[in-house]
Amino acid sequence: LIVPAYVDGENADMLERKTLRRGEGLTGWALENGRTVV
């Protein structure tokens, strides 16, 4: 799983508990494909 190691800013409490899978969402896609998303 892709897990949050550090969160700073708004909604930190929620995001600290969040997980994603490779390829899932923007974060998972960027990790899987090795490309920056803006």
PDB file of all heavy atoms in Angstrom:
ATOM      1  N   LEU A   1       0.833  -1.194   0.000  1.00  0.00           N
ATOM      2  CA  LEU A   1       0.000   0.000   0.000  1.00  0.00           C
ATOM      3  C   LEU A   1       0.873   1.251   0.000  1.00  0.00           C
ATOM      4  O   LEU A   1       2.026   1.226   0.428  1.00  0.00           O
ATOM      5  CB  LEU A   1      -0.906   0.026   1.236  1.00  0.00           C
ATOM      6  CG  LEU A   1      -1.991  -1.044   1.341  1.00  0.00           C
ATOM      7  CD1 LEU A   1      -2.687  -0.946   2.686  1.00  0.00           C
ATOM      8  CD2 LEU A   1      -3.005  -0.901   0.206  1.00  0.00           C
ATOM      9  N   ILE A   2       0.298   2.343  -0.485  1.00  0.00           N
ATOM     10  CA  ILE A   2       0.942   3.655  -0.407  1.00  0.00           C
ATOM     11  C   ILE A   2       0.394   4.318   0.854  1.00  0.00           C
ATOM     12  O   ILE A   2      -0.818   4.571   0.960  1.00  0.00           O
ATOM     13  CB  ILE A   2       0.632   4.503  -1.645  1.00  0.00           C
ATOM     14  CG1 ILE A   2       1.032   3.745  -2.920  1.00  0.00           C
ATOM     15  CG2 ILE A   2       1.349   5.831  -1.593  1.00  0.00           C
ATOM     16  CD1 ILE A   2       0.495   4.374  -4.198  1.00  0.00           C
ATOM     17  N   VAL A   3       1.255   4.594   1.797  1.00  0.00           N
ATOM     18  CA  VAL A   3       0.800   5.085   3.105  1.00  0.00           C
ATOM     19  C   VAL A   3       1.402   6.465   3.388  1.00  0.00           C
ATOM     20  O   VAL A   3       2.527   6.759   2.985  1.00  0.00           O
ATOM     21  CB  VAL A   3       1.180   4.102   4.236  1.00  0.00           C
ATOM     22  CG1 VAL A   3       0.520   2.760   4.013  1.00  0.00           C
ATOM     23  CG2 VAL A   3       2.691   3.931   4.327  1.00  0.00           C
ATOM     24  N   PRO A   4       0.657   7.333   4.089  1.00  0.00           N
ATOM     25  CA  PRO A   4       1.186   8.653   4.427  1.00  0.00           C
ATOM     26  C   PRO A   4       2.247   8.548   5.514  1.00  0.00           C
ATOM     27  O   PRO A   4       2.000   7.987   6.580  1.00  0.00           O
ATOM     28  CB  PRO A   4      -0.045   9.416   4.914  1.00  0.00           C
ATOM     29  CG  PRO A   4      -0.980   8.351   5.399  1.00  0.00           C
ATOM     30  CD  PRO A   4      -0.728   7.146   4.546  1.00  0.00           C
ATOM     31  N   ALA A   5       3.430   9.088   5.257  1.00  0.00           N
ATOM     32  CA  ALA A   5       4.503   9.091   6.248  1.00  0.00           C
ATOM     33  C   ALA A   5       4.563  10.418   6.980  1.00  0.00           C
ATOM     34  O   ALA A   5       5.007  10.478   8.129  1.00  0.00           O
ATOM     35  CB  ALA A   5       5.847   8.811   5.570  1.00  0.00           C
ATOM     36  N   TYR A   6       4.120  11.496   6.311  1.00  0.00           N
ATOM     37  CA  TYR A   6       4.077  12.807   6.968  1.00  0.00           C
ATOM     38  C   TYR A   6       3.059  13.673   6.242  1.00  0.00           C
ATOM     39  O   TYR A   6       3.008  13.688   5.005  1.00  0.00           O
ATOM     40  CB  TYR A   6       5.448  13.492   6.948  1.00  0.00           C
ATOM     41  CG  TYR A   6       5.442  14.825   7.665  1.00  0.00           C
ATOM     42  CD1 TYR A   6       5.428  14.875   9.048  1.00  0.00           C
ATOM     43  CD2 TYR A   6       5.398  16.016   6.946  1.00  0.00           C
ATOM     44  CE1 TYR A   6       5.392  16.097   9.711  1.00  0.00           C
ATOM     45  CE2 TYR A   6       5.359  17.244   7.602  1.00  0.00           C
ATOM     46  CZ  TYR A   6       5.354  17.275   8.989  1.00  0.00           C
ATOM     47  OH  TYR A   6       5.302  18.470   9.651  1.00  0.00           O
ATOM     48  N   VAL A   7       2.232  14.394   7.026  1.00  0.00           N
ATOM     49  CA  VAL A   7       1.214  15.281   6.462  1.00  0.00           C
ATOM     50  C   VAL A   7       1.337  16.641   7.131  1.00  0.00           C
ATOM     51  O   VAL A   7       1.463  16.737   8.361  1.00  0.00           O
ATOM     52  CB  VAL A   7      -0.214  14.735   6.683  1.00  0.00           C
ATOM     53  CG1 VAL A   7      -1.242  15.643   6.014  1.00  0.00           C
ATOM     54  CG2 VAL A   7      -0.334  13.306   6.168  1.00  0.00           C
ATOM     55  N   ASP A   8       1.269  17.703   6.315  1.00  0.00           N
ATOM     56  CA  ASP A   8       1.341  19.062   6.850  1.00  0.00           C
ATOM     57  C   ASP A   8       0.246  19.893   6.209  1.00  0.00           C
ATOM     58  O   ASP A   8       0.078  19.887   4.985  1.00  0.00           O
ATOM     59  CB  ASP A   8       2.710  19.684   6.551  1.00  0.00           C
ATOM     60  CG  ASP A   8       2.809  21.110   7.069  1.00  0.00           C
ATOM     61  OD1 ASP A   8       2.817  21.283   8.300  1.00  0.00           O
ATOM     62  OD2 ASP A   8       2.871  22.040   6.245  1.00  0.00           O
ATOM     63  N   GLY A   9      -0.536  20.593   7.041  1.00  0.00           N
ATOM     64  CA  GLY A   9      -1.559  21.483   6.509  1.00  0.00           C
ATOM     65  C   GLY A   9      -2.967  21.024   6.827  1.00  0.00           C
ATOM     66  O   GLY A   9      -3.206  20.287   7.785  1.00  0.00           O
ATOM     67  N   GLU A  10      -3.930  21.470   6.017  1.00  0.00           N
ATOM     68  CA  GLU A  10      -5.349  21.189   6.258  1.00  0.00           C
ATOM     69  C   GLU A  10      -5.649  19.689   6.164  1.00  0.00           C
ATOM     70  O   GLU A  10      -5.033  18.960   5.393  1.00  0.00           O
ATOM     71  CB  GLU A  10      -6.204  21.945   5.233  1.00  0.00           C
ATOM     72  CG  GLU A  10      -6.091  23.460   5.324  1.00  0.00           C
ATOM     73  CD  GLU A  10      -6.936  24.152   4.269  1.00  0.00           C
ATOM     74  OE1 GLU A  10      -7.734  23.460   3.601  1.00  0.00           O
ATOM     75  OE2 GLU A  10      -6.794  25.380   4.099  1.00  0.00           O
ATOM     76  N   ASN A  11      -6.629  19.249   6.963  1.00  0.00           N
ATOM     77  CA  ASN A  11      -7.136  17.866   6.942  1.00  0.00           C
ATOM     78  C   ASN A  11      -6.058  16.827   7.267  1.00  0.00           C
ATOM     79  O   ASN A  11      -6.141  15.674   6.819  1.00  0.00           O
ATOM     80  CB  ASN A  11      -7.766  17.546   5.575  1.00  0.00           C
ATOM     81  CG  ASN A  11      -8.872  18.518   5.202  1.00  0.00           C
ATOM     82  OD1 ASN A  11      -9.807  18.723   5.974  1.00  0.00           O
ATOM     83  ND2 ASN A  11      -8.758  19.142   4.039  1.00  0.00           N
ATOM     84  N   ALA A  12      -5.065  17.237   8.041  1.00  0.00           N
ATOM     85  CA  ALA A  12      -3.961  16.319   8.364  1.00  0.00           C
ATOM     86  C   ALA A  12      -4.457  15.077   9.103  1.00  0.00           C
ATOM     87  O   ALA A  12      -3.994  13.968   8.832  1.00  0.00           O
ATOM     88  CB  ALA A  12      -2.900  17.046   9.200  1.00  0.00           C
ATOM     89  N   ASP A  13      -5.411  15.254  10.023  1.00  0.00           N
ATOM     90  CA  ASP A  13      -5.895  14.106  10.814  1.00  0.00           C
ATOM     91  C   ASP A  13      -6.490  13.027   9.919  1.00  0.00           C
ATOM     92  O   ASP A  13      -6.270  11.826  10.133  1.00  0.00           O
ATOM     93  CB  ASP A  13      -6.945  14.565  11.831  1.00  0.00           C
ATOM     94  CG  ASP A  13      -6.337  15.384  12.959  1.00  0.00           C
ATOM     95  OD1 ASP A  13      -5.102  15.346  13.102  1.00  0.00           O
ATOM     96  OD2 ASP A  13      -7.092  16.055  13.675  1.00  0.00           O
ATOM     97  N   MET A  14      -7.256  13.452   8.910  1.00  0.00           N
ATOM     98  CA  MET A  14      -7.861  12.483   7.998  1.00  0.00           C
ATOM     99  C   MET A  14      -6.824  11.859   7.076  1.00  0.00           C
ATOM    100  O   MET A  14      -6.779  10.644   6.885  1.00  0.00           O
ATOM    101  CB  MET A  14      -8.965  13.158   7.185  1.00  0.00           C
ATOM    102  CG  MET A  14      -9.728  12.203   6.253  1.00  0.00           C
ATOM    103  SD  MET A  14      -8.936  11.924   4.652  1.00  0.00           S
ATOM    104  CE  MET A  14      -9.228  13.514   3.882  1.00  0.00           C
ATOM    105  N   LEU A  15      -5.954  12.684   6.524  1.00  0.00           N
ATOM    106  CA  LEU A  15      -4.974  12.193   5.558  1.00  0.00           C
ATOM    107  C   LEU A  15      -3.933  11.272   6.196  1.00  0.00           C
ATOM    108  O   LEU A  15      -3.404  10.387   5.522  1.00  0.00           O
ATOM    109  CB  LEU A  15      -4.284  13.372   4.875  1.00  0.00           C
ATOM    110  CG  LEU A  15      -5.139  14.100   3.830  1.00  0.00           C
ATOM    111  CD1 LEU A  15      -4.554  15.453   3.485  1.00  0.00           C
ATOM    112  CD2 LEU A  15      -5.286  13.246   2.581  1.00  0.00           C
ATOM    113  N   GLU A  16      -3.665  11.431   7.483  1.00  0.00           N
ATOM    114  CA  GLU A  16      -2.704  10.547   8.149  1.00  0.00           C
ATOM    115  C   GLU A  16      -3.202   9.111   8.217  1.00  0.00           C
ATOM    116  O   GLU A  16      -2.411   8.182   8.399  1.00  0.00           O
ATOM    117  CB  GLU A  16      -2.428  11.060   9.567  1.00  0.00           C
ATOM    118  CG  GLU A  16      -1.526  12.285   9.603  1.00  0.00           C
ATOM    119  CD  GLU A  16      -1.426  12.904  10.979  1.00  0.00           C
ATOM    120  OE1 GLU A  16      -2.190  12.472  11.886  1.00  0.00           O
ATOM    121  OE2 GLU A  16      -0.598  13.817  11.164  1.00  0.00           O
ATOM    122  N   ARG A  17      -4.510   8.902   8.069  1.00  0.00           N
ATOM    123  CA  ARG A  17      -5.086   7.553   8.125  1.00  0.00           C
ATOM    124  C   ARG A  17      -5.375   6.984   6.739  1.00  0.00           C
ATOM    125  O   ARG A  17      -5.870   5.864   6.617  1.00  0.00           O
ATOM    126  CB  ARG A  17      -6.381   7.572   8.947  1.00  0.00           C
ATOM    127  CG  ARG A  17      -6.202   8.068  10.374  1.00  0.00           C
ATOM    128  CD  ARG A  17      -7.474   7.866  11.189  1.00  0.00           C
ATOM    129  NE  ARG A  17      -8.596   8.605  10.633  1.00  0.00           N
ATOM    130  CZ  ARG A  17      -8.911   9.857  10.961  1.00  0.00           C
ATOM    131  NH1 ARG A  17      -8.155  10.522  11.818  1.00  0.00           N
ATOM    132  NH2 ARG A  17      -9.968  10.446  10.425  1.00  0.00           N
ATOM    133  N   LYS A  18      -5.064   7.749   5.714  1.00  0.00           N
ATOM    134  CA  LYS A  18      -5.442   7.371   4.350  1.00  0.00           C
ATOM    135  C   LYS A  18      -4.412   6.448   3.707  1.00  0.00           C
ATOM    136  O   LYS A  18      -3.215   6.595   3.929  1.00  0.00           O
ATOM    137  CB  LYS A  18      -5.587   8.643   3.519  1.00  0.00           C
ATOM    138  CG  LYS A  18      -6.005   8.416   2.080  1.00  0.00           C
ATOM    139  CD  LYS A  18      -6.165   9.747   1.375  1.00  0.00           C
ATOM    140  CE  LYS A  18      -6.599   9.541  -0.060  1.00  0.00           C
ATOM    141  NZ  LYS A  18      -7.842   8.759  -0.145  1.00  0.00           N
ATOM    142  N   THR A  19      -4.853   5.498   2.921  1.00  0.00           N
ATOM    143  CA  THR A  19      -3.947   4.649   2.145  1.00  0.00           C
ATOM    144  C   THR A  19      -4.444   4.561   0.700  1.00  0.00           C
ATOM    145  O   THR A  19      -5.632   4.750   0.424  1.00  0.00           O
ATOM    146  CB  THR A  19      -3.843   3.225   2.721  1.00  0.00           C
ATOM    147  OG1 THR A  19      -5.139   2.602   2.695  1.00  0.00           O
ATOM    148  CG2 THR A  19      -3.320   3.255   4.152  1.00  0.00           C
ATOM    149  N   LEU A  20      -3.526   4.281  -0.199  1.00  0.00           N
ATOM    150  CA  LEU A  20      -3.855   4.109  -1.618  1.00  0.00           C
ATOM    151  C   LEU A  20      -3.114   2.883  -2.143  1.00  0.00           C
ATOM    152  O   LEU A  20      -2.146   2.420  -1.534  1.00  0.00           O
ATOM    153  CB  LEU A  20      -3.437   5.345  -2.418  1.00  0.00           C
ATOM    154  CG  LEU A  20      -4.181   6.652  -2.135  1.00  0.00           C
ATOM    155  CD1 LEU A  20      -3.354   7.828  -2.615  1.00  0.00           C
ATOM    156  CD2 LEU A  20      -5.548   6.643  -2.822  1.00  0.00           C
ATOM    157  N   ARG A  21      -3.562   2.391  -3.275  1.00  0.00           N
ATOM    158  CA  ARG A  21      -2.870   1.284  -3.940  1.00  0.00           C
ATOM    159  C   ARG A  21      -2.119   1.818  -5.162  1.00  0.00           C
ATOM    160  O   ARG A  21      -2.450   2.887  -5.685  1.00  0.00           O
ATOM    161  CB  ARG A  21      -3.863   0.199  -4.365  1.00  0.00           C
ATOM    162  CG  ARG A  21      -4.584  -0.433  -3.185  1.00  0.00           C
ATOM    163  CD  ARG A  21      -5.491  -1.564  -3.629  1.00  0.00           C
ATOM    164  NE  ARG A  21      -6.197  -2.123  -2.498  1.00  0.00           N
ATOM    165  CZ  ARG A  21      -5.689  -3.032  -1.667  1.00  0.00           C
ATOM    166  NH1 ARG A  21      -4.460  -3.492  -1.886  1.00  0.00           N
ATOM    167  NH2 ARG A  21      -6.396  -3.490  -0.656  1.00  0.00           N
ATOM    168  N   ARG A  22      -1.129   1.082  -5.602  1.00  0.00           N
ATOM    169  CA  ARG A  22      -0.386   1.490  -6.793  1.00  0.00           C
ATOM    170  C   ARG A  22      -1.348   1.599  -7.975  1.00  0.00           C
ATOM    171  O   ARG A  22      -2.161   0.709  -8.218  1.00  0.00           O
ATOM    172  CB  ARG A  22       0.718   0.484  -7.106  1.00  0.00           C
ATOM    173  CG  ARG A  22       1.863   0.562  -6.112  1.00  0.00           C
ATOM    174  CD  ARG A  22       2.998  -0.371  -6.460  1.00  0.00           C
ATOM    175  NE  ARG A  22       3.635  -0.045  -7.731  1.00  0.00           N
ATOM    176  CZ  ARG A  22       4.854  -0.465  -8.074  1.00  0.00           C
ATOM    177  NH1 ARG A  22       5.557  -1.219  -7.239  1.00  0.00           N
ATOM    178  NH2 ARG A  22       5.373  -0.144  -9.239  1.00  0.00           N
ATOM    179  N   GLY A  23      -1.269   2.714  -8.690  1.00  0.00           N
ATOM    180  CA  GLY A  23      -2.157   2.950  -9.816  1.00  0.00           C
ATOM    181  C   GLY A  23      -3.462   3.606  -9.443  1.00  0.00           C
ATOM    182  O   GLY A  23      -4.222   4.009 -10.321  1.00  0.00           O
ATOM    183  N   GLU A  24      -3.751   3.742  -8.152  1.00  0.00           N
ATOM    184  CA  GLU A  24      -5.018   4.296  -7.703  1.00  0.00           C
ATOM    185  C   GLU A  24      -4.895   5.800  -7.473  1.00  0.00           C
ATOM    186  O   GLU A  24      -4.015   6.258  -6.751  1.00  0.00           O
ATOM    187  CB  GLU A  24      -5.446   3.602  -6.404  1.00  0.00           C
ATOM    188  CG  GLU A  24      -6.791   4.065  -5.863  1.00  0.00           C
ATOM    189  CD  GLU A  24      -7.167   3.333  -4.591  1.00  0.00           C
ATOM    190  OE1 GLU A  24      -6.294   3.131  -3.725  1.00  0.00           O
ATOM    191  OE2 GLU A  24      -8.353   2.967  -4.454  1.00  0.00           O
ATOM    192  N   GLY A  25      -5.831   6.579  -8.070  1.00  0.00           N
ATOM    193  CA  GLY A  25      -5.835   8.014  -7.888  1.00  0.00           C
ATOM    194  C   GLY A  25      -4.636   8.692  -8.525  1.00  0.00           C
ATOM    195  O   GLY A  25      -3.821   8.068  -9.224  1.00  0.00           O
ATOM    196  N   LEU A  26      -4.511   9.993  -8.276  1.00  0.00           N
ATOM    197  CA  LEU A  26      -3.375  10.743  -8.817  1.00  0.00           C
ATOM    198  C   LEU A  26      -2.062  10.232  -8.253  1.00  0.00           C
ATOM    199  O   LEU A  26      -1.084  10.022  -8.977  1.00  0.00           O
ATOM    200  CB  LEU A  26      -3.518  12.228  -8.471  1.00  0.00           C
ATOM    201  CG  LEU A  26      -4.709  12.995  -9.045  1.00  0.00           C
ATOM    202  CD1 LEU A  26      -4.704  14.415  -8.522  1.00  0.00           C
ATOM    203  CD2 LEU A  26      -4.655  12.976 -10.566  1.00  0.00           C
ATOM    204  N   THR A  27      -2.055  10.039  -6.932  1.00  0.00           N
ATOM    205  CA  THR A  27      -0.827   9.614  -6.257  1.00  0.00           C
ATOM    206  C   THR A  27      -0.391   8.235  -6.727  1.00  0.00           C
ATOM    207  O   THR A  27       0.785   8.012  -7.042  1.00  0.00           O
ATOM    208  CB  THR A  27      -1.042   9.631  -4.733  1.00  0.00           C
ATOM    209  OG1 THR A  27      -1.246  10.990  -4.311  1.00  0.00           O
ATOM    210  CG2 THR A  27       0.142   9.044  -3.997  1.00  0.00           C
ATOM    211  N   GLY A  28      -1.340   7.311  -6.803  1.00  0.00           N
ATOM    212  CA  GLY A  28      -1.010   5.959  -7.244  1.00  0.00           C
ATOM    213  C   GLY A  28      -0.558   5.919  -8.690  1.00  0.00           C
ATOM    214  O   GLY A  28       0.340   5.155  -9.056  1.00  0.00           O
ATOM    215  N   TRP A  29      -1.181   6.755  -9.528  1.00  0.00           N
ATOM    216  CA  TRP A  29      -0.803   6.806 -10.951  1.00  0.00           C
ATOM    217  C   TRP A  29       0.621   7.343 -11.097  1.00  0.00           C
ATOM    218  O   TRP A  29       1.423   6.817 -11.868  1.00  0.00           O
ATOM    219  CB  TRP A  29      -1.782   7.676 -11.714  1.00  0.00           C
ATOM    220  CG  TRP A  29      -1.575   7.628 -13.214  1.00  0.00           C
ATOM    221  CD1 TRP A  29      -2.173   6.782 -14.101  1.00  0.00           C
ATOM    222  CD2 TRP A  29      -0.665   8.450 -13.976  1.00  0.00           C
ATOM    223  NE1 TRP A  29      -1.717   7.023 -15.372  1.00  0.00           N
ATOM    224  CE2 TRP A  29      -0.782   8.044 -15.337  1.00  0.00           C
ATOM    225  CE3 TRP A  29       0.221   9.471 -13.656  1.00  0.00           C
ATOM    226  CZ2 TRP A  29      -0.046   8.625 -16.352  1.00  0.00           C
ATOM    227  CZ3 TRP A  29       0.961  10.059 -14.674  1.00  0.00           C
ATOM    228  CH2 TRP A  29       0.822   9.638 -16.002  1.00  0.00           C
ATOM    229  N   ALA A  30       0.932   8.431 -10.383  1.00  0.00           N
ATOM    230  CA  ALA A  30       2.268   9.021 -10.477  1.00  0.00           C
ATOM    231  C   ALA A  30       3.334   8.038 -10.009  1.00  0.00           C
ATOM    232  O   ALA A  30       4.405   7.933 -10.613  1.00  0.00           O
ATOM    233  CB  ALA A  30       2.328  10.302  -9.641  1.00  0.00           C
ATOM    234  N   LEU A  31       3.038   7.309  -8.935  1.00  0.00           N
ATOM    235  CA  LEU A  31       3.993   6.316  -8.439  1.00  0.00           C
ATOM    236  C   LEU A  31       4.190   5.193  -9.449  1.00  0.00           C
ATOM    237  O   LEU A  31       5.326   4.783  -9.735  1.00  0.00           O
ATOM    238  CB  LEU A  31       3.501   5.742  -7.104  1.00  0.00           C
ATOM    239  CG  LEU A  31       4.384   4.663  -6.487  1.00  0.00           C
ATOM    240  CD1 LEU A  31       5.634   5.282  -5.880  1.00  0.00           C
ATOM    241  CD2 LEU A  31       3.629   3.883  -5.420  1.00  0.00           C
ATOM    242  N   GLU A  32       3.095   4.712 -10.011  1.00  0.00           N
ATOM    243  CA  GLU A  32       3.154   3.572 -10.928  1.00  0.00           C
ATOM    244  C   GLU A  32       3.848   3.935 -12.236  1.00  0.00           C
ATOM    245  O   GLU A  32       4.607   3.133 -12.798  1.00  0.00           O
ATOM    246  CB  GLU A  32       1.739   3.077 -11.211  1.00  0.00           C
ATOM    247  CG  GLU A  32       1.662   1.839 -12.082  1.00  0.00           C
ATOM    248  CD  GLU A  32       2.084   0.577 -11.346  1.00  0.00           C
ATOM    249  OE1 GLU A  32       2.227   0.610 -10.103  1.00  0.00           O
ATOM    250  OE2 GLU A  32       2.282  -0.448 -12.025  1.00  0.00           O
ATOM    251  N   ASN A  33       3.620   5.142 -12.717  1.00  0.00           N
ATOM    252  CA  ASN A  33       4.134   5.536 -14.030  1.00  0.00           C
ATOM    253  C   ASN A  33       5.406   6.373 -13.964  1.00  0.00           C
ATOM    254  O   ASN A  33       6.018   6.648 -15.005  1.00  0.00           O
ATOM    255  CB  ASN A  33       3.056   6.301 -14.796  1.00  0.00           C
ATOM    256  CG  ASN A  33       1.880   5.419 -15.182  1.00  0.00           C
ATOM    257  OD1 ASN A  33       1.915   4.728 -16.195  1.00  0.00           O
ATOM    258  ND2 ASN A  33       0.831   5.423 -14.359  1.00  0.00           N
ATOM    259  N   GLY A  34       5.789   6.797 -12.770  1.00  0.00           N
ATOM    260  CA  GLY A  34       7.018   7.563 -12.619  1.00  0.00           C
ATOM    261  C   GLY A  34       6.978   8.930 -13.271  1.00  0.00           C
ATOM    262  O   GLY A  34       7.998   9.425 -13.757  1.00  0.00           O
ATOM    263  N   ARG A  35       5.805   9.555 -13.291  1.00  0.00           N
ATOM    264  CA  ARG A  35       5.655  10.852 -13.939  1.00  0.00           C
ATOM    265  C   ARG A  35       4.976  11.853 -13.018  1.00  0.00           C
ATOM    266  O   ARG A  35       4.108  11.481 -12.207  1.00  0.00           O
ATOM    267  CB  ARG A  35       4.835  10.714 -15.229  1.00  0.00           C
ATOM    268  CG  ARG A  35       5.546   9.927 -16.320  1.00  0.00           C
ATOM    269  CD  ARG A  35       4.618   9.645 -17.488  1.00  0.00           C
ATOM    270  NE  ARG A  35       4.058  10.881 -18.046  1.00  0.00           N
ATOM    271  CZ  ARG A  35       3.116  10.894 -18.995  1.00  0.00           C
ATOM    272  NH1 ARG A  35       2.653   9.746 -19.479  1.00  0.00           N
ATOM    273  NH2 ARG A  35       2.661  12.035 -19.461  1.00  0.00           N
ATOM    274  N   THR A  36       5.375  13.102 -13.119  1.00  0.00           N
ATOM    275  CA  THR A  36       4.781  14.174 -12.322  1.00  0.00           C
ATOM    276  C   THR A  36       3.429  14.572 -12.903  1.00  0.00           C
ATOM    277  O   THR A  36       3.259  14.645 -14.121  1.00  0.00           O
ATOM    278  CB  THR A  36       5.709  15.403 -12.291  1.00  0.00           C
ATOM    279  OG1 THR A  36       6.947  15.016 -11.696  1.00  0.00           O
ATOM    280  CG2 THR A  36       5.093  16.546 -11.495  1.00  0.00           C
ATOM    281  N   VAL A  37       2.463  14.819 -12.026  1.00  0.00           N
ATOM    282  CA  VAL A  37       1.119  15.250 -12.409  1.00  0.00           C
ATOM    283  C   VAL A  37       0.887  16.638 -11.823  1.00  0.00           C
ATOM    284  O   VAL A  37       1.134  16.862 -10.632  1.00  0.00           O
ATOM    285  CB  VAL A  37       0.048  14.279 -11.869  1.00  0.00           C
ATOM    286  CG1 VAL A  37      -1.345  14.743 -12.296  1.00  0.00           C
ATOM    287  CG2 VAL A  37       0.314  12.866 -12.342  1.00  0.00           C
ATOM    288  N   VAL A  38       0.406  17.572 -12.639  1.00  0.00           N
ATOM    289  CA  VAL A  38       0.161  18.943 -12.175  1.00  0.00           C
ATOM    290  C   VAL A  38      -1.245  19.378 -12.588  1.00  0.00           C
ATOM    291  O   VAL A  38      -1.652  19.203 -13.737  1.00  0.00           O
ATOM    292  CB  VAL A  38       1.214  19.918 -12.754  1.00  0.00           C
ATOM    293  CG1 VAL A  38       0.851  21.359 -12.404  1.00  0.00           C
ATOM    294  CG2 VAL A  38       2.593  19.590 -12.210  1.00  0.00           C
TER     295      VAL A  38
END
